[in-house]
């Protein structure tokens, strides 16, 4: 078999493999797949892809995802404290700005009430 035929055969096998993995095929598509698979070279290429896929799936079960570093308890407390301080400062600025203390306002903020 020439290199071009082999590459085309592998590409067709990959296409049919993906369509089979998709799960749903039209009746015409299923008939075309069965006709394609009747050729021994095509069936062998598809079997090779399925074998490689099974090997990859079995290997994936042995690979553990890298653990993510959870924030240290001190970092969590510091973030919470910083958030609480920022909220308190924002509320304080809001209260001062709407309390009627005109010294706090600039000329741009001034609104006649």
N, C-alpha and C. Protein backbone atom coordinates (compact mmCIF):
# COMPACT_ATOMS: atom_id res chain seq x y z
N UNK A 1 0.86 -1.18 0.00
CA UNK A 1 0.00 0.00 0.00
C UNK A 1 0.90 1.23 0.00
N UNK A 2 0.56 2.19 -0.83
CA UNK A 2 1.38 3.40 -0.91
C UNK A 2 1.13 4.29 0.30
N UNK A 3 2.03 5.23 0.50
CA UNK A 3 1.92 6.14 1.63
C UNK A 3 0.68 7.01 1.53
N UNK A 4 0.35 7.43 0.29
CA UNK A 4 -0.84 8.26 0.10
C UNK A 4 -2.11 7.48 0.43
N UNK A 5 -2.19 6.25 -0.03
CA UNK A 5 -3.37 5.44 0.26
C UNK A 5 -3.49 5.17 1.76
N UNK A 6 -2.34 4.93 2.40
CA UNK A 6 -2.34 4.66 3.83
C UNK A 6 -2.82 5.90 4.60
N UNK A 7 -2.32 7.06 4.22
CA UNK A 7 -2.73 8.30 4.89
C UNK A 7 -4.21 8.58 4.68
N UNK A 8 -4.68 8.37 3.46
CA UNK A 8 -6.11 8.58 3.18
C UNK A 8 -6.95 7.58 3.95
N UNK A 9 -6.47 6.34 4.04
CA UNK A 9 -7.18 5.30 4.78
C UNK A 9 -7.24 5.64 6.27
N UNK A 10 -6.14 6.12 6.82
CA UNK A 10 -6.11 6.52 8.24
C UNK A 10 -7.03 7.71 8.49
N UNK A 11 -7.05 8.65 7.57
CA UNK A 11 -7.92 9.82 7.72
C UNK A 11 -9.39 9.41 7.67
N UNK A 12 -9.73 8.53 6.75
CA UNK A 12 -11.11 8.04 6.65
C UNK A 12 -11.48 7.26 7.92
N UNK A 13 -10.53 6.47 8.42
CA UNK A 13 -10.79 5.72 9.65
C UNK A 13 -11.03 6.66 10.82
N UNK A 14 -10.26 7.73 10.89
CA UNK A 14 -10.44 8.70 11.97
C UNK A 14 -11.80 9.38 11.86
N UNK A 15 -12.21 9.69 10.65
CA UNK A 15 -13.52 10.32 10.44
C UNK A 15 -14.64 9.38 10.87
N UNK A 16 -14.57 8.13 10.43
CA UNK A 16 -15.61 7.17 10.82
C UNK A 16 -15.56 6.87 12.32
N UNK A 17 -14.38 6.83 12.88
CA UNK A 17 -14.25 6.61 14.32
C UNK A 17 -14.95 7.72 15.10
N UNK A 18 -14.73 8.97 14.68
CA UNK A 18 -15.36 10.11 15.34
C UNK A 18 -16.87 10.05 15.18
N UNK A 19 -17.34 9.68 14.00
CA UNK A 19 -18.79 9.59 13.78
C UNK A 19 -19.40 8.49 14.64
N UNK A 20 -18.68 7.37 14.80
CA UNK A 20 -19.19 6.29 15.66
C UNK A 20 -19.20 6.72 17.12
N UNK A 21 -18.18 7.47 17.54
CA UNK A 21 -18.11 7.94 18.93
C UNK A 21 -19.20 8.97 19.22
N UNK A 22 -19.63 9.67 18.18
CA UNK A 22 -20.69 10.66 18.34
C UNK A 22 -21.97 9.99 18.80
N UNK A 23 -22.16 8.74 18.36
CA UNK A 23 -23.28 7.96 18.86
C UNK A 23 -24.45 7.84 17.91
N UNK A 24 -24.86 8.88 17.26
CA UNK A 24 -26.05 8.85 16.43
C UNK A 24 -25.63 8.99 14.97
N UNK A 25 -26.12 8.03 14.15
CA UNK A 25 -25.84 8.09 12.72
C UNK A 25 -27.16 7.92 11.98
N UNK A 26 -27.29 8.62 10.88
CA UNK A 26 -28.46 8.44 10.03
C UNK A 26 -28.36 7.06 9.38
N UNK A 27 -29.47 6.58 8.89
CA UNK A 27 -29.50 5.25 8.27
C UNK A 27 -28.54 5.20 7.08
N UNK A 28 -28.54 6.25 6.27
CA UNK A 28 -27.64 6.29 5.11
C UNK A 28 -26.18 6.32 5.55
N UNK A 29 -25.92 7.07 6.60
CA UNK A 29 -24.56 7.16 7.12
C UNK A 29 -24.09 5.82 7.67
N UNK A 30 -24.99 5.12 8.37
CA UNK A 30 -24.66 3.80 8.92
C UNK A 30 -24.38 2.81 7.79
N UNK A 31 -25.18 2.87 6.72
CA UNK A 31 -24.97 1.98 5.58
C UNK A 31 -23.63 2.27 4.91
N UNK A 32 -23.28 3.55 4.77
CA UNK A 32 -22.00 3.92 4.17
C UNK A 32 -20.85 3.44 5.05
N UNK A 33 -21.01 3.54 6.37
CA UNK A 33 -19.98 3.06 7.28
C UNK A 33 -19.78 1.56 7.16
N UNK A 34 -20.88 0.82 7.12
CA UNK A 34 -20.79 -0.64 7.00
C UNK A 34 -20.13 -1.04 5.69
N UNK A 35 -20.46 -0.32 4.61
CA UNK A 35 -19.83 -0.61 3.32
C UNK A 35 -18.34 -0.30 3.37
N UNK A 36 -17.96 0.79 4.01
CA UNK A 36 -16.56 1.18 4.12
C UNK A 36 -15.80 0.15 4.96
N UNK A 37 -16.43 -0.32 6.02
CA UNK A 37 -15.76 -1.23 6.95
C UNK A 37 -15.59 -2.64 6.37
N UNK A 38 -16.31 -2.98 5.33
CA UNK A 38 -16.17 -4.31 4.73
C UNK A 38 -14.79 -4.53 4.12
N UNK A 39 -14.15 -3.46 3.72
CA UNK A 39 -12.78 -3.59 3.18
C UNK A 39 -11.84 -3.92 4.34
N UNK A 40 -11.00 -4.92 4.15
CA UNK A 40 -10.11 -5.40 5.22
C UNK A 40 -9.14 -4.31 5.69
N UNK A 41 -8.62 -3.51 4.77
CA UNK A 41 -7.67 -2.45 5.16
C UNK A 41 -8.37 -1.38 6.00
N UNK A 42 -9.59 -1.06 5.62
CA UNK A 42 -10.35 -0.07 6.39
C UNK A 42 -10.69 -0.61 7.79
N UNK A 43 -11.10 -1.86 7.84
CA UNK A 43 -11.43 -2.46 9.14
C UNK A 43 -10.19 -2.51 10.03
N UNK A 44 -9.03 -2.80 9.44
CA UNK A 44 -7.79 -2.85 10.22
C UNK A 44 -7.42 -1.47 10.74
N UNK A 45 -7.59 -0.43 9.91
CA UNK A 45 -7.27 0.94 10.34
C UNK A 45 -8.20 1.37 11.46
N UNK A 46 -9.48 1.02 11.35
CA UNK A 46 -10.45 1.37 12.40
C UNK A 46 -10.13 0.61 13.69
N UNK A 47 -9.78 -0.66 13.56
CA UNK A 47 -9.43 -1.45 14.74
C UNK A 47 -8.20 -0.88 15.44
N UNK A 48 -7.24 -0.40 14.67
CA UNK A 48 -6.03 0.21 15.25
C UNK A 48 -6.39 1.48 16.02
N UNK A 49 -7.25 2.30 15.44
CA UNK A 49 -7.68 3.52 16.15
C UNK A 49 -8.42 3.17 17.44
N UNK A 50 -9.28 2.18 17.39
CA UNK A 50 -10.02 1.78 18.59
C UNK A 50 -9.07 1.24 19.66
N UNK A 51 -8.05 0.50 19.23
CA UNK A 51 -7.08 -0.04 20.19
C UNK A 51 -6.31 1.10 20.86
N UNK A 52 -5.87 2.07 20.07
CA UNK A 52 -5.14 3.21 20.63
C UNK A 52 -6.04 4.00 21.58
N UNK A 53 -7.29 4.19 21.20
CA UNK A 53 -8.23 4.93 22.04
C UNK A 53 -8.42 4.21 23.37
N UNK A 54 -8.58 2.89 23.33
CA UNK A 54 -8.74 2.12 24.57
C UNK A 54 -7.50 2.21 25.45
N UNK A 55 -6.32 2.18 24.83
CA UNK A 55 -5.09 2.33 25.61
C UNK A 55 -5.02 3.69 26.28
N UNK A 56 -5.41 4.73 25.55
CA UNK A 56 -5.38 6.07 26.13
C UNK A 56 -6.39 6.20 27.27
N UNK A 57 -7.56 5.61 27.10
CA UNK A 57 -8.56 5.68 28.17
C UNK A 57 -8.10 4.92 29.41
N UNK A 58 -7.48 3.76 29.21
CA UNK A 58 -7.01 3.00 30.37
C UNK A 58 -5.85 3.71 31.06
N UNK A 59 -5.01 4.37 30.29
CA UNK A 59 -3.91 5.13 30.88
C UNK A 59 -4.39 6.37 31.62
N UNK A 60 -5.47 6.94 31.14
CA UNK A 60 -6.01 8.15 31.77
C UNK A 60 -6.52 7.86 33.18
N UNK A 61 -7.00 6.65 33.40
CA UNK A 61 -7.49 6.28 34.73
C UNK A 61 -6.37 6.28 35.76
N UNK A 62 -5.13 6.07 35.30
CA UNK A 62 -3.99 6.03 36.22
C UNK A 62 -3.38 7.39 36.48
N UNK A 63 -3.77 8.36 35.71
CA UNK A 63 -3.21 9.70 35.88
C UNK A 63 -4.09 10.48 36.84
N UNK A 64 -3.50 10.98 37.88
CA UNK A 64 -4.24 11.77 38.85
C UNK A 64 -4.06 13.25 38.52
N UNK A 65 -5.12 14.03 38.61
CA UNK A 65 -4.94 15.46 38.36
C UNK A 65 -4.06 16.08 39.43
N UNK A 66 -3.32 17.09 39.03
CA UNK A 66 -2.43 17.77 39.98
C UNK A 66 -3.28 18.45 41.05
N UNK A 67 -2.91 18.27 42.30
CA UNK A 67 -3.70 18.91 43.36
C UNK A 67 -3.53 20.42 43.30
N UNK A 68 -4.63 21.10 43.52
CA UNK A 68 -4.56 22.56 43.56
C UNK A 68 -4.24 22.99 44.98
N UNK A 69 -3.43 23.98 45.09
CA UNK A 69 -3.03 24.47 46.40
C UNK A 69 -4.16 25.29 47.01
N UNK A 70 -4.67 24.81 48.11
CA UNK A 70 -5.72 25.55 48.82
C UNK A 70 -5.07 26.70 49.58
N UNK A 71 -5.76 27.83 49.67
CA UNK A 71 -5.18 28.95 50.40
C UNK A 71 -4.95 28.57 51.86
N UNK A 72 -3.89 29.09 52.39
CA UNK A 72 -3.56 28.83 53.78
C UNK A 72 -4.60 29.52 54.67
N UNK A 73 -4.83 28.99 55.88
CA UNK A 73 -5.83 29.61 56.77
C UNK A 73 -5.53 31.07 57.05
N UNK A 74 -4.26 31.43 57.19
CA UNK A 74 -3.93 32.85 57.44
C UNK A 74 -4.33 33.71 56.26
N UNK A 75 -4.12 33.19 55.05
CA UNK A 75 -4.49 33.96 53.87
C UNK A 75 -6.00 34.16 53.82
N UNK A 76 -6.76 33.14 54.17
CA UNK A 76 -8.22 33.27 54.17
C UNK A 76 -8.66 34.32 55.18
N UNK A 77 -8.07 34.29 56.36
CA UNK A 77 -8.42 35.27 57.40
C UNK A 77 -8.03 36.67 56.95
N UNK A 78 -6.85 36.82 56.37
CA UNK A 78 -6.40 38.13 55.91
C UNK A 78 -7.31 38.66 54.81
N UNK A 79 -7.74 37.81 53.89
CA UNK A 79 -8.64 38.25 52.83
C UNK A 79 -9.99 38.68 53.40
N UNK A 80 -10.50 37.90 54.34
CA UNK A 80 -11.78 38.25 54.96
C UNK A 80 -11.68 39.56 55.71
N UNK A 81 -10.58 39.75 56.45
CA UNK A 81 -10.39 40.99 57.21
C UNK A 81 -10.27 42.18 56.26
N UNK A 82 -9.53 42.01 55.19
CA UNK A 82 -9.38 43.10 54.22
C UNK A 82 -10.72 43.45 53.59
N UNK A 83 -11.51 42.46 53.27
CA UNK A 83 -12.83 42.71 52.70
C UNK A 83 -13.73 43.44 53.70
N UNK A 84 -13.68 43.05 54.96
CA UNK A 84 -14.50 43.70 55.98
C UNK A 84 -14.08 45.16 56.16
N UNK A 85 -12.79 45.43 56.17
CA UNK A 85 -12.30 46.80 56.31
C UNK A 85 -12.72 47.64 55.11
N UNK A 86 -12.61 47.08 53.92
CA UNK A 86 -13.00 47.82 52.72
C UNK A 86 -14.49 48.15 52.74
N UNK A 87 -15.31 47.22 53.20
CA UNK A 87 -16.76 47.47 53.31
C UNK A 87 -17.04 48.56 54.33
N UNK A 88 -16.37 48.49 55.48
CA UNK A 88 -16.59 49.50 56.52
C UNK A 88 -16.18 50.88 56.03
N UNK A 89 -15.05 51.00 55.35
CA UNK A 89 -14.59 52.28 54.83
C UNK A 89 -15.58 52.81 53.80
N UNK A 90 -16.07 51.95 52.92
CA UNK A 90 -17.04 52.38 51.91
C UNK A 90 -18.33 52.88 52.55
N UNK A 91 -18.80 52.18 53.55
CA UNK A 91 -20.02 52.62 54.25
C UNK A 91 -19.76 53.94 54.97
N UNK A 92 -18.58 54.06 55.59
CA UNK A 92 -18.25 55.31 56.28
C UNK A 92 -18.21 56.49 55.33
N UNK A 93 -17.61 56.31 54.17
CA UNK A 93 -17.55 57.39 53.18
C UNK A 93 -18.96 57.75 52.72
N UNK A 94 -19.79 56.74 52.52
CA UNK A 94 -21.17 57.00 52.10
C UNK A 94 -21.95 57.76 53.14
N UNK A 95 -21.79 57.40 54.40
CA UNK A 95 -22.51 58.10 55.48
C UNK A 95 -22.04 59.54 55.59
N UNK A 96 -20.74 59.77 55.54
CA UNK A 96 -20.20 61.12 55.65
C UNK A 96 -20.65 61.98 54.48
N UNK A 97 -20.64 61.41 53.28
CA UNK A 97 -20.97 62.22 52.10
C UNK A 97 -22.45 62.58 52.05
N UNK A 98 -23.32 61.80 52.64
CA UNK A 98 -24.74 62.11 52.63
C UNK A 98 -25.26 62.64 53.96
N UNK A 99 -24.37 62.93 54.90
CA UNK A 99 -24.81 63.37 56.22
C UNK A 99 -25.10 64.87 56.27
N UNK A 100 -24.80 65.57 55.24
CA UNK A 100 -25.02 67.00 55.26
C UNK A 100 -23.79 67.77 55.66
N UNK A 101 -22.67 67.10 55.86
CA UNK A 101 -21.41 67.76 56.18
C UNK A 101 -20.85 68.34 54.88
N UNK A 102 -21.08 69.64 54.68
CA UNK A 102 -20.71 70.26 53.42
C UNK A 102 -19.21 70.46 53.27
N UNK A 103 -18.45 70.38 54.33
CA UNK A 103 -17.01 70.51 54.23
C UNK A 103 -16.39 69.30 53.52
N UNK A 104 -17.08 68.21 53.56
CA UNK A 104 -16.57 67.00 52.93
C UNK A 104 -16.72 67.05 51.41
N UNK A 105 -17.72 67.79 50.94
CA UNK A 105 -17.99 67.83 49.50
C UNK A 105 -17.07 68.80 48.80
N UNK A 106 -16.77 68.52 47.54
CA UNK A 106 -16.03 69.45 46.72
C UNK A 106 -17.02 70.27 45.91
N UNK A 107 -16.51 71.26 45.18
CA UNK A 107 -17.40 72.09 44.37
C UNK A 107 -18.10 71.25 43.31
N UNK A 108 -17.48 70.21 42.84
CA UNK A 108 -18.09 69.36 41.83
C UNK A 108 -19.22 68.51 42.40
N UNK A 109 -19.14 68.19 43.70
CA UNK A 109 -20.16 67.36 44.33
C UNK A 109 -21.37 68.17 44.77
N UNK A 110 -21.25 69.48 44.84
CA UNK A 110 -22.27 70.28 45.47
C UNK A 110 -23.59 70.21 44.71
N UNK A 111 -24.60 69.89 45.44
CA UNK A 111 -25.95 69.84 44.87
C UNK A 111 -26.84 70.57 45.86
N UNK A 112 -27.62 71.51 45.35
CA UNK A 112 -28.56 72.22 46.23
C UNK A 112 -29.65 71.27 46.66
N UNK A 113 -29.92 71.26 47.97
CA UNK A 113 -30.99 70.41 48.49
C UNK A 113 -32.07 71.23 49.06
